Amino acid sequence: MKKSVLVTGANGMLATNIIEGLARAGYRVIGTVRKGKSYKGEKTPDINIVEADFKDEESMAPLVARCDIIFHVAAMTSQSEKNYEVFRKVNVDSTKMLLDLSVASGIDTFVYVSTANTIGYGGAEEAEMKYPFTESFYAMSKKEAEDAAISYSDRMKVVVVNPTFMVGKYGTDKGSNRIFSMVRKSAVVFCPSGGKNVIDVSEAARGMILAMEKGQTGSRYLICGRNYHFIELFRKIASEYGVRRLFVRVPGFLLRLAGHLGDLLARCGIASEVSTVNISMLLADNFYTTDKAERELGFKPHDLFEK
């Protein structure tokens, strides 16, 4: 008999790819979307999309009871919210509620989707968080939630997955795919000095499903692709589109100045994604390795630009 998997946040890029991957792998899937949101992925008899607020226990309890596995993807990801308690309510409290419901319903496996930013860049899963992510309310709330999830690993199988920067299918020009639209539309591309580990979202979803099936309870798995400095990444994107662009390296002191200006605007009550913390993220070599996932899960991602 097919196992049933509940996936929260089904309107998002990652969850949509996970849902499609699960259906292809032979699972029945229930995906949740908030009221007014829609699922843009494939529709098959094994995919059932329902409206439910993942933060509402009354809405989630009957759905959890119908499933064998939980994939908790939904989260608040804002970079401009300045109140940590808002993040805690959405990202931490709702996770604890779903964990309690899962234990009560006898769930086999709970997969918590966190972020690589809870792990110190340049290291593996055991590396402690580093600045500037220790000052990012989003990353802090994800770390608090994944610690809570792992504390349940003696009551059911709990696996935490830590994806890096994801791009690709079902992404938008206003989301992570905006790095592609920026290079496609701009004759001049400004490049910070740092870098990111980037993975195709369909590959990230594949790695997470492997973690669900093969991961060890209480373990974290970095799900990542290749490390790129920004200028290298932007040049790769330009090459993919067959366009010529002028790449300008932006001095770090100018970006830091912009970050301080963003902090000043925030103190004046003007919301902005520009801050010293967010600018510091652009200046860091935010690199990771997928060695553990390759060793324990057999996950070796395809290159983002592989034909």
C-alpha atoms as a PDB file:
ATOM      1  CA  MET A   1       0.000   0.000   0.000  1.00  0.00           C
ATOM      2  CA  LYS A   2       1.278   3.475  -0.867  1.00  0.00           C
ATOM      3  CA  LYS A   3       2.395   5.609   2.060  1.00  0.00           C
ATOM      4  CA  SER A   4       0.800   9.030   2.469  1.00  0.00           C
ATOM      5  CA  VAL A   5       2.933  12.153   2.871  1.00  0.00           C
ATOM      6  CA  LEU A   6       1.705  15.520   4.112  1.00  0.00           C
ATOM      7  CA  VAL A   7       3.655  18.462   2.626  1.00  0.00           C
ATOM      8  CA  THR A   8       3.107  21.959   4.024  1.00  0.00           C
ATOM      9  CA  GLY A   9       3.536  25.083   1.910  1.00  0.00           C
ATOM     10  CA  ALA A  10       2.483  23.463  -1.378  1.00  0.00           C
ATOM     11  CA  ASN A  11       2.305  26.809  -3.181  1.00  0.00           C
ATOM     12  CA  GLY A  12       6.064  27.335  -2.750  1.00  0.00           C
ATOM     13  CA  MET A  13       8.818  26.450  -5.224  1.00  0.00           C
ATOM     14  CA  LEU A  14      10.491  23.810  -3.060  1.00  0.00           C
ATOM     15  CA  ALA A  15       7.325  22.128  -1.791  1.00  0.00           C
ATOM     16  CA  THR A  16       5.934  21.901  -5.337  1.00  0.00           C
ATOM     17  CA  ASN A  17       9.073  20.089  -6.499  1.00  0.00           C
ATOM     18  CA  ILE A  18       8.948  17.794  -3.448  1.00  0.00           C
ATOM     19  CA  ILE A  19       5.302  16.945  -4.136  1.00  0.00           C
ATOM     20  CA  GLU A  20       6.027  16.067  -7.750  1.00  0.00           C
ATOM     21  CA  GLY A  21       9.052  13.993  -6.725  1.00  0.00           C
ATOM     22  CA  LEU A  22       7.065  12.092  -4.103  1.00  0.00           C
ATOM     23  CA  ALA A  23       4.266  11.318  -6.566  1.00  0.00           C
ATOM     24  CA  ARG A  24       6.771  10.031  -9.113  1.00  0.00           C
ATOM     25  CA  ALA A  25       8.329   7.850  -6.401  1.00  0.00           C
ATOM     26  CA  GLY A  26       4.988   6.181  -5.676  1.00  0.00           C
ATOM     27  CA  TYR A  27       3.716   8.092  -2.633  1.00  0.00           C
ATOM     28  CA  ARG A  28       0.267   9.576  -2.110  1.00  0.00           C
ATOM     29  CA  VAL A  29       0.595  13.270  -1.262  1.00  0.00           C
ATOM     30  CA  ILE A  30      -1.527  15.790   0.584  1.00  0.00           C
ATOM     31  CA  GLY A  31      -0.223  19.319   0.069  1.00  0.00           C
ATOM     32  CA  THR A  32      -1.438  22.296   2.071  1.00  0.00           C
ATOM     33  CA  VAL A  33      -1.853  25.830   0.775  1.00  0.00           C
ATOM     34  CA  ARG A  34      -3.012  28.887   2.645  1.00  0.00           C
ATOM     35  CA  LYS A  35      -6.336  30.437   1.663  1.00  0.00           C
ATOM     36  CA  GLY A  36      -5.973  32.403  -1.540  1.00  0.00           C
ATOM     37  CA  LYS A  37      -2.808  30.594  -2.581  1.00  0.00           C
ATOM     38  CA  SER A  38      -2.601  28.045  -5.362  1.00  0.00           C
ATOM     39  CA  TYR A  39      -0.600  24.984  -6.310  1.00  0.00           C
ATOM     40  CA  LYS A  40       1.103  25.327  -9.691  1.00  0.00           C
ATOM     41  CA  GLY A  41       2.570  21.851 -10.044  1.00  0.00           C
ATOM     42  CA  GLU A  42       1.535  18.650 -11.763  1.00  0.00           C
ATOM     43  CA  LYS A  43      -1.888  17.248 -10.921  1.00  0.00           C
ATOM     44  CA  THR A  44      -2.227  13.473 -10.659  1.00  0.00           C
ATOM     45  CA  PRO A  45      -4.608  11.136  -8.806  1.00  0.00           C
ATOM     46  CA  ASP A  46      -1.957  10.733  -6.080  1.00  0.00           C
ATOM     47  CA  ILE A  47      -1.738  14.483  -5.369  1.00  0.00           C
ATOM     48  CA  ASN A  48      -4.429  16.120  -3.231  1.00  0.00           C
ATOM     49  CA  ILE A  49      -4.115  19.849  -2.526  1.00  0.00           C
ATOM     50  CA  VAL A  50      -6.150  21.289   0.360  1.00  0.00           C
ATOM     51  CA  GLU A  51      -6.509  24.727   1.901  1.00  0.00           C
ATOM     52  CA  ALA A  52      -5.193  24.690   5.459  1.00  0.00           C
ATOM     53  CA  ASP A  53      -3.202  27.072   7.626  1.00  0.00           C
ATOM     54  CA  PHE A  54      -0.141  25.138   8.804  1.00  0.00           C
ATOM     55  CA  LYS A  55      -0.130  27.260  11.978  1.00  0.00           C
ATOM     56  CA  ASP A  56      -3.678  26.225  12.925  1.00  0.00           C
ATOM     57  CA  GLU A  57      -3.894  23.033  14.996  1.00  0.00           C
ATOM     58  CA  GLU A  58      -7.584  22.497  14.292  1.00  0.00           C
ATOM     59  CA  SER A  59      -6.943  22.570  10.536  1.00  0.00           C
ATOM     60  CA  MET A  60      -3.835  20.400  10.612  1.00  0.00           C
ATOM     61  CA  ALA A  61      -4.855  17.657  13.077  1.00  0.00           C
ATOM     62  CA  PRO A  62      -7.168  15.711  10.715  1.00  0.00           C
ATOM     63  CA  LEU A  63      -4.637  15.962   7.877  1.00  0.00           C
ATOM     64  CA  VAL A  64      -1.787  14.682  10.041  1.00  0.00           C
ATOM     65  CA  ALA A  65      -3.985  11.794  11.162  1.00  0.00           C
ATOM     66  CA  ARG A  66      -4.419  10.694   7.527  1.00  0.00           C
ATOM     67  CA  CYS A  67      -0.673  10.464   6.798  1.00  0.00           C
ATOM     68  CA  ASP A  68       2.380   8.334   7.511  1.00  0.00           C
ATOM     69  CA  ILE A  69       5.037  10.980   6.878  1.00  0.00           C
ATOM     70  CA  ILE A  70       5.236  14.760   7.404  1.00  0.00           C
ATOM     71  CA  PHE A  71       7.338  17.075   5.229  1.00  0.00           C
ATOM     72  CA  HIS A  72       7.249  20.467   6.938  1.00  0.00           C
ATOM     73  CA  VAL A  73       8.367  22.988   4.330  1.00  0.00           C
ATOM     74  CA  ALA A  74       6.234  26.078   4.996  1.00  0.00           C
ATOM     75  CA  ALA A  75       7.943  28.951   6.799  1.00  0.00           C
ATOM     76  CA  MET A  76       8.217  32.690   7.150  1.00  0.00           C
ATOM     77  CA  THR A  77      11.250  33.818   5.130  1.00  0.00           C
ATOM     78  CA  SER A  78      11.065  37.621   5.300  1.00  0.00           C
ATOM     79  CA  GLN A  79      14.339  39.529   5.478  1.00  0.00           C
ATOM     80  CA  SER A  80      12.668  42.781   6.538  1.00  0.00           C
ATOM     81  CA  GLU A  81      10.613  41.770   9.616  1.00  0.00           C
ATOM     82  CA  LYS A  82      12.294  43.254  12.711  1.00  0.00           C
ATOM     83  CA  ASN A  83      10.417  41.402  15.467  1.00  0.00           C
ATOM     84  CA  TYR A  84      11.839  37.987  16.334  1.00  0.00           C
ATOM     85  CA  GLU A  85       8.657  36.925  18.116  1.00  0.00           C
ATOM     86  CA  VAL A  86       6.836  37.059  14.768  1.00  0.00           C
ATOM     87  CA  PHE A  87       9.359  34.564  13.362  1.00  0.00           C
ATOM     88  CA  ARG A  88       9.129  32.390  16.467  1.00  0.00           C
ATOM     89  CA  LYS A  89       5.341  32.157  16.277  1.00  0.00           C
ATOM     90  CA  VAL A  90       5.390  31.090  12.609  1.00  0.00           C
ATOM     91  CA  ASN A  91       8.588  29.041  12.323  1.00  0.00           C
ATOM     92  CA  VAL A  92       9.040  27.584  15.805  1.00  0.00           C
ATOM     93  CA  ASP A  93       5.672  27.330  17.527  1.00  0.00           C
ATOM     94  CA  SER A  94       3.956  25.845  14.465  1.00  0.00           C
ATOM     95  CA  THR A  95       6.727  23.261  14.112  1.00  0.00           C
ATOM     96  CA  LYS A  96       6.328  22.187  17.735  1.00  0.00           C
ATOM     97  CA  MET A  97       2.566  21.915  17.223  1.00  0.00           C
ATOM     98  CA  LEU A  98       3.054  19.693  14.149  1.00  0.00           C
ATOM     99  CA  LEU A  99       5.578  17.567  16.039  1.00  0.00           C
ATOM    100  CA  ASP A 100       3.095  17.020  18.879  1.00  0.00           C
ATOM    101  CA  LEU A 101       0.344  16.127  16.408  1.00  0.00           C
ATOM    102  CA  SER A 102       2.714  13.710  14.668  1.00  0.00           C
ATOM    103  CA  VAL A 103       3.592  11.879  17.869  1.00  0.00           C
ATOM    104  CA  ALA A 104      -0.072  11.658  18.836  1.00  0.00           C
ATOM    105  CA  SER A 105      -0.976  10.270  15.394  1.00  0.00           C
ATOM    106  CA  GLY A 106       1.868   7.747  15.235  1.00  0.00           C
ATOM    107  CA  ILE A 107       3.643   9.369  12.283  1.00  0.00           C
ATOM    108  CA  ASP A 108       6.534   7.266  10.943  1.00  0.00           C
ATOM    109  CA  THR A 109       8.837  10.068   9.778  1.00  0.00           C
ATOM    110  CA  PHE A 110       8.967  13.833  10.263  1.00  0.00           C
ATOM    111  CA  VAL A 111      11.178  15.767   7.827  1.00  0.00           C
ATOM    112  CA  TYR A 112      11.914  19.337   8.852  1.00  0.00           C
ATOM    113  CA  VAL A 113      13.146  21.630   6.090  1.00  0.00           C
ATOM    114  CA  SER A 114      15.548  24.122   7.634  1.00  0.00           C
ATOM    115  CA  THR A 115      18.306  26.106   5.913  1.00  0.00           C
ATOM    116  CA  ALA A 116      22.050  25.740   5.438  1.00  0.00           C
ATOM    117  CA  ASN A 117      22.376  29.089   7.198  1.00  0.00           C
ATOM    118  CA  THR A 118      21.987  27.324  10.556  1.00  0.00           C
ATOM    119  CA  ILE A 119      25.328  25.602   9.839  1.00  0.00           C
ATOM    120  CA  GLY A 120      28.638  27.441   9.785  1.00  0.00           C
ATOM    121  CA  TYR A 121      29.634  28.067   6.170  1.00  0.00           C
ATOM    122  CA  GLY A 122      32.894  26.522   5.121  1.00  0.00           C
ATOM    123  CA  GLY A 123      32.132  23.506   7.300  1.00  0.00           C
ATOM    124  CA  ALA A 124      29.975  20.411   7.513  1.00  0.00           C
ATOM    125  CA  GLU A 125      26.794  19.621   9.470  1.00  0.00           C
ATOM    126  CA  GLU A 126      28.524  19.847  12.858  1.00  0.00           C
ATOM    127  CA  ALA A 127      29.809  23.411  12.301  1.00  0.00           C
ATOM    128  CA  GLU A 128      28.238  26.055  14.531  1.00  0.00           C
ATOM    129  CA  MET A 129      26.292  28.951  12.997  1.00  0.00           C
ATOM    130  CA  LYS A 130      28.392  31.942  12.049  1.00  0.00           C
ATOM    131  CA  TYR A 131      27.814  35.668  11.779  1.00  0.00           C
ATOM    132  CA  PRO A 132      25.921  37.190  10.000  1.00  0.00           C
ATOM    133  CA  PHE A 133      23.413  34.343  10.209  1.00  0.00           C
ATOM    134  CA  THR A 134      23.564  34.389  14.009  1.00  0.00           C
ATOM    135  CA  GLU A 135      21.944  37.839  13.674  1.00  0.00           C
ATOM    136  CA  SER A 136      19.368  36.856  11.033  1.00  0.00           C
ATOM    137  CA  PHE A 137      15.943  36.407  12.627  1.00  0.00           C
ATOM    138  CA  TYR A 138      14.984  33.963   9.864  1.00  0.00           C
ATOM    139  CA  ALA A 139      18.060  31.766  10.398  1.00  0.00           C
ATOM    140  CA  MET A 140      17.760  32.025  14.185  1.00  0.00           C
ATOM    141  CA  SER A 141      14.143  30.857  14.088  1.00  0.00           C
ATOM    142  CA  LYS A 142      14.991  27.959  11.777  1.00  0.00           C
ATOM    143  CA  LYS A 143      17.775  26.862  14.133  1.00  0.00           C
ATOM    144  CA  GLU A 144      15.430  27.008  17.114  1.00  0.00           C
ATOM    145  CA  ALA A 145      12.838  24.978  15.191  1.00  0.00           C
ATOM    146  CA  GLU A 146      15.293  22.325  13.981  1.00  0.00           C
ATOM    147  CA  ASP A 147      16.628  21.894  17.534  1.00  0.00           C
ATOM    148  CA  ALA A 148      13.045  21.374  18.677  1.00  0.00           C
ATOM    149  CA  ALA A 149      12.480  18.822  15.906  1.00  0.00           C
ATOM    150  CA  ILE A 150      15.611  16.847  16.779  1.00  0.00           C
ATOM    151  CA  SER A 151      14.488  16.680  20.417  1.00  0.00           C
ATOM    152  CA  TYR A 152      11.584  14.472  19.228  1.00  0.00           C
ATOM    153  CA  SER A 153      13.871  11.957  17.498  1.00  0.00           C
ATOM    154  CA  ASP A 154      13.478   9.430  20.324  1.00  0.00           C
ATOM    155  CA  ARG A 155       9.715   9.276  19.702  1.00  0.00           C
ATOM    156  CA  MET A 156       9.679   8.984  15.895  1.00  0.00           C
ATOM    157  CA  LYS A 157      12.105   9.255  13.027  1.00  0.00           C
ATOM    158  CA  VAL A 158      13.037  12.924  12.650  1.00  0.00           C
ATOM    159  CA  VAL A 159      15.316  14.149   9.880  1.00  0.00           C
ATOM    160  CA  VAL A 160      16.414  17.747   9.301  1.00  0.00           C
ATOM    161  CA  VAL A 161      17.448  18.861   5.825  1.00  0.00           C
ATOM    162  CA  ASN A 162      19.504  22.017   5.317  1.00  0.00           C
ATOM    163  CA  PRO A 163      19.282  23.237   1.718  1.00  0.00           C
ATOM    164  CA  THR A 164      21.469  25.959   0.282  1.00  0.00           C
ATOM    165  CA  PHE A 165      20.300  28.621  -2.215  1.00  0.00           C
ATOM    166  CA  MET A 166      17.736  27.040  -4.543  1.00  0.00           C
ATOM    167  CA  VAL A 167      16.742  28.164  -8.036  1.00  0.00           C
ATOM    168  CA  GLY A 168      14.753  26.626 -10.849  1.00  0.00           C
ATOM    169  CA  LYS A 169      11.346  25.145 -11.636  1.00  0.00           C
ATOM    170  CA  TYR A 170       8.371  27.078 -10.208  1.00  0.00           C
ATOM    171  CA  GLY A 171      10.635  29.847  -8.944  1.00  0.00           C
ATOM    172  CA  THR A 172       9.709  33.453  -9.715  1.00  0.00           C
ATOM    173  CA  ASP A 173      11.562  36.559 -10.806  1.00  0.00           C
ATOM    174  CA  LYS A 174      10.634  38.075  -7.440  1.00  0.00           C
ATOM    175  CA  GLY A 175      12.053  35.082  -5.564  1.00  0.00           C
ATOM    176  CA  SER A 176      15.350  33.269  -5.811  1.00  0.00           C
ATOM    177  CA  ASN A 177      15.145  33.167  -9.630  1.00  0.00           C
ATOM    178  CA  ARG A 178      15.620  36.933  -9.702  1.00  0.00           C
ATOM    179  CA  ILE A 179      19.374  36.403 -10.053  1.00  0.00           C
ATOM    180  CA  PHE A 180      18.605  34.987 -13.511  1.00  0.00           C
ATOM    181  CA  SER A 181      16.244  37.803 -14.467  1.00  0.00           C
ATOM    182  CA  MET A 182      18.759  40.374 -13.222  1.00  0.00           C
ATOM    183  CA  VAL A 183      21.478  39.054 -15.523  1.00  0.00           C
ATOM    184  CA  ARG A 184      19.016  38.595 -18.389  1.00  0.00           C
ATOM    185  CA  LYS A 185      17.644  42.141 -18.173  1.00  0.00           C
ATOM    186  CA  SER A 186      20.602  44.256 -17.016  1.00  0.00           C
ATOM    187  CA  ALA A 187      23.406  45.355 -19.323  1.00  0.00           C
ATOM    188  CA  VAL A 188      25.552  46.095 -16.248  1.00  0.00           C
ATOM    189  CA  VAL A 189      25.676  43.511 -13.446  1.00  0.00           C
ATOM    190  CA  PHE A 190      27.030  44.582 -10.056  1.00  0.00           C
ATOM    191  CA  CYS A 191      28.831  41.804  -8.192  1.00  0.00           C
ATOM    192  CA  PRO A 192      29.429  41.578  -4.417  1.00  0.00           C
ATOM    193  CA  SER A 193      32.693  39.954  -3.372  1.00  0.00           C
ATOM    194  CA  GLY A 194      31.133  36.928  -1.652  1.00  0.00           C
ATOM    195  CA  GLY A 195      29.487  33.799  -2.939  1.00  0.00           C
ATOM    196  CA  LYS A 196      26.800  31.145  -2.458  1.00  0.00           C
ATOM    197  CA  ASN A 197      26.314  27.444  -2.790  1.00  0.00           C
ATOM    198  CA  VAL A 198      23.580  27.070  -5.409  1.00  0.00           C
ATOM    199  CA  ILE A 199      21.457  24.031  -6.243  1.00  0.00           C
ATOM    200  CA  ASP A 200      18.684  23.334  -8.720  1.00  0.00           C
ATOM    201  CA  VAL A 201      15.480  23.039  -6.694  1.00  0.00           C
ATOM    202  CA  SER A 202      14.470  19.780  -8.375  1.00  0.00           C
ATOM    203  CA  GLU A 203      17.787  18.290  -7.251  1.00  0.00           C
ATOM    204  CA  ALA A 204      17.251  19.661  -3.741  1.00  0.00           C
ATOM    205  CA  ALA A 205      13.840  17.994  -3.636  1.00  0.00           C
ATOM    206  CA  ARG A 206      15.384  14.704  -4.762  1.00  0.00           C
ATOM    207  CA  GLY A 207      17.985  14.918  -1.988  1.00  0.00           C
ATOM    208  CA  MET A 208      15.322  15.615   0.621  1.00  0.00           C
ATOM    209  CA  ILE A 209      13.245  12.631  -0.444  1.00  0.00           C
ATOM    210  CA  LEU A 210      16.366  10.475  -0.121  1.00  0.00           C
ATOM    211  CA  ALA A 211      16.833  11.917   3.381  1.00  0.00           C
ATOM    212  CA  MET A 212      13.236  10.974   4.194  1.00  0.00           C
ATOM    213  CA  GLU A 213      13.812   7.415   3.013  1.00  0.00           C
ATOM    214  CA  LYS A 214      17.412   6.773   4.099  1.00  0.00           C
ATOM    215  CA  GLY A 215      18.314   9.415   6.674  1.00  0.00           C
ATOM    216  CA  GLN A 216      19.142   8.571  10.286  1.00  0.00           C
ATOM    217  CA  THR A 217      16.838   9.861  12.986  1.00  0.00           C
ATOM    218  CA  GLY A 218      18.149  12.945  14.747  1.00  0.00           C
ATOM    219  CA  SER A 219      20.471  13.774  11.841  1.00  0.00           C
ATOM    220  CA  ARG A 220      20.926  16.908   9.784  1.00  0.00           C
ATOM    221  CA  TYR A 221      21.825  16.744   6.097  1.00  0.00           C
ATOM    222  CA  LEU A 222      23.205  19.577   4.010  1.00  0.00           C
ATOM    223  CA  ILE A 223      21.486  19.438   0.633  1.00  0.00           C
ATOM    224  CA  CYS A 224      23.670  21.512  -1.607  1.00  0.00           C
ATOM    225  CA  GLY A 225      25.087  21.942  -5.075  1.00  0.00           C
ATOM    226  CA  ARG A 226      28.157  23.827  -6.240  1.00  0.00           C
ATOM    227  CA  ASN A 227      29.947  26.767  -4.618  1.00  0.00           C
ATOM    228  CA  TYR A 228      30.101  29.921  -6.759  1.00  0.00           C
ATOM    229  CA  HIS A 229      31.542  33.354  -6.201  1.00  0.00           C
ATOM    230  CA  PHE A 230      28.903  35.811  -7.374  1.00  0.00           C
ATOM    231  CA  ILE A 231      30.879  37.028 -10.373  1.00  0.00           C
ATOM    232  CA  GLU A 232      31.429  33.430 -11.523  1.00  0.00           C
ATOM    233  CA  LEU A 233      27.731  32.619 -11.061  1.00  0.00           C
ATOM    234  CA  PHE A 234      26.596  35.706 -12.974  1.00  0.00           C
ATOM    235  CA  ARG A 235      28.979  34.940 -15.829  1.00  0.00           C
ATOM    236  CA  LYS A 236      27.639  31.386 -16.018  1.00  0.00           C
ATOM    237  CA  ILE A 237      24.083  32.706 -16.205  1.00  0.00           C
ATOM    238  CA  ALA A 238      25.016  35.187 -18.950  1.00  0.00           C
ATOM    239  CA  SER A 239      26.628  32.370 -20.904  1.00  0.00           C
ATOM    240  CA  GLU A 240      23.467  30.278 -20.557  1.00  0.00           C
ATOM    241  CA  TYR A 241      21.392  33.097 -22.037  1.00  0.00           C
ATOM    242  CA  GLY A 242      24.009  33.860 -24.689  1.00  0.00           C
ATOM    243  CA  VAL A 243      24.265  37.518 -23.656  1.00  0.00           C
ATOM    244  CA  ARG A 244      27.223  39.809 -23.088  1.00  0.00           C
ATOM    245  CA  ARG A 245      27.230  41.794 -19.849  1.00  0.00           C
ATOM    246  CA  LEU A 246      29.502  44.245 -18.097  1.00  0.00           C
ATOM    247  CA  PHE A 247      30.370  42.824 -14.668  1.00  0.00           C
ATOM    248  CA  VAL A 248      31.345  45.388 -12.050  1.00  0.00           C
ATOM    249  CA  ARG A 249      32.790  44.323  -8.710  1.00  0.00           C
ATOM    250  CA  VAL A 250      31.294  46.443  -5.924  1.00  0.00           C
ATOM    251  CA  PRO A 251      33.750  47.384  -3.151  1.00  0.00           C
ATOM    252  CA  GLY A 252      32.801  45.968   0.220  1.00  0.00           C
ATOM    253  CA  PHE A 253      32.934  49.359   1.950  1.00  0.00           C
ATOM    254  CA  LEU A 254      30.204  50.720  -0.351  1.00  0.00           C
ATOM    255  CA  LEU A 255      27.926  47.777   0.402  1.00  0.00           C
ATOM    256  CA  ARG A 256      28.579  48.113   4.135  1.00  0.00           C
ATOM    257  CA  LEU A 257      27.685  51.805   3.896  1.00  0.00           C
ATOM    258  CA  ALA A 258      24.406  50.840   2.218  1.00  0.00           C
ATOM    259  CA  GLY A 259      23.776  48.356   5.037  1.00  0.00           C
ATOM    260  CA  HIS A 260      24.219  51.047   7.693  1.00  0.00           C
ATOM    261  CA  LEU A 261      21.821  53.270   5.758  1.00  0.00           C
ATOM    262  CA  GLY A 262      19.278  50.439   5.729  1.00  0.00           C
ATOM    263  CA  ASP A 263      19.675  50.067   9.500  1.00  0.00           C
ATOM    264  CA  LEU A 264      19.018  53.790   9.900  1.00  0.00           C
ATOM    265  CA  LEU A 265      15.865  53.568   7.773  1.00  0.00           C
ATOM    266  CA  ALA A 266      14.678  50.614   9.877  1.00  0.00           C
ATOM    267  CA  ARG A 267      15.110  52.658  13.058  1.00  0.00           C
ATOM    268  CA  CYS A 268      12.923  55.303  11.424  1.00  0.00           C
ATOM    269  CA  GLY A 269      10.220  52.714  10.808  1.00  0.00           C
ATOM    270  CA  ILE A 270      10.917  52.177   7.097  1.00  0.00           C
ATOM    271  CA  ALA A 271      11.091  48.469   6.245  1.00  0.00           C
ATOM    272  CA  SER A 272      13.920  47.392   3.950  1.00  0.00           C
ATOM    273  CA  GLU A 273      15.820  44.221   3.070  1.00  0.00           C
ATOM    274  CA  VAL A 274      19.028  46.270   3.074  1.00  0.00           C
ATOM    275  CA  SER A 275      20.771  45.983   6.450  1.00  0.00           C
ATOM    276  CA  THR A 276      24.258  45.376   7.812  1.00  0.00           C
ATOM    277  CA  VAL A 277      23.309  41.731   8.440  1.00  0.00           C
ATOM    278  CA  ASN A 278      21.964  41.128   4.927  1.00  0.00           C
ATOM    279  CA  ILE A 279      24.876  42.948   3.303  1.00  0.00           C
ATOM    280  CA  SER A 280      27.306  40.833   5.330  1.00  0.00           C
ATOM    281  CA  MET A 281      25.649  37.766   3.790  1.00  0.00           C
ATOM    282  CA  LEU A 282      26.579  39.059   0.333  1.00  0.00           C
ATOM    283  CA  LEU A 283      30.189  39.565   1.381  1.00  0.00           C
ATOM    284  CA  ALA A 284      30.672  36.091   2.912  1.00  0.00           C
ATOM    285  CA  ASP A 285      31.892  33.014   1.047  1.00  0.00           C
ATOM    286  CA  ASN A 286      28.763  31.121   2.012  1.00  0.00           C
ATOM    287  CA  PHE A 287      30.051  27.718   0.877  1.00  0.00           C
ATOM    288  CA  TYR A 288      29.107  24.187   1.952  1.00  0.00           C
ATOM    289  CA  THR A 289      29.786  20.533   1.205  1.00  0.00           C
ATOM    290  CA  THR A 290      27.321  17.719   0.558  1.00  0.00           C
ATOM    291  CA  ASP A 291      29.723  14.950   1.634  1.00  0.00           C
ATOM    292  CA  LYS A 292      27.475  13.544   4.382  1.00  0.00           C
ATOM    293  CA  ALA A 293      24.434  13.337   2.102  1.00  0.00           C
ATOM    294  CA  GLU A 294      26.512  11.653  -0.575  1.00  0.00           C
ATOM    295  CA  ARG A 295      27.958   9.181   1.921  1.00  0.00           C
ATOM    296  CA  GLU A 296      24.773   8.286   3.824  1.00  0.00           C
ATOM    297  CA  LEU A 297      22.014   8.965   1.293  1.00  0.00           C
ATOM    298  CA  GLY A 298      23.752   8.352  -2.018  1.00  0.00           C
ATOM    299  CA  PHE A 299      22.920  11.923  -3.044  1.00  0.00           C
ATOM    300  CA  LYS A 300      25.197  13.532  -5.601  1.00  0.00           C
ATOM    301  CA  PRO A 301      23.484  16.527  -7.235  1.00  0.00           C
ATOM    302  CA  HIS A 302      23.707  17.343 -10.910  1.00  0.00           C
ATOM    303  CA  ASP A 303      25.408  20.635 -11.735  1.00  0.00           C
ATOM    304  CA  LEU A 304      23.069  23.613 -12.089  1.00  0.00           C
ATOM    305  CA  PHE A 305      24.281  24.298 -15.636  1.00  0.00           C
ATOM    306  CA  GLU A 306      24.565  20.688 -16.746  1.00  0.00           C
ATOM    307  CA  LYS A 307      22.941  20.102 -20.112  1.00  0.00           C
END
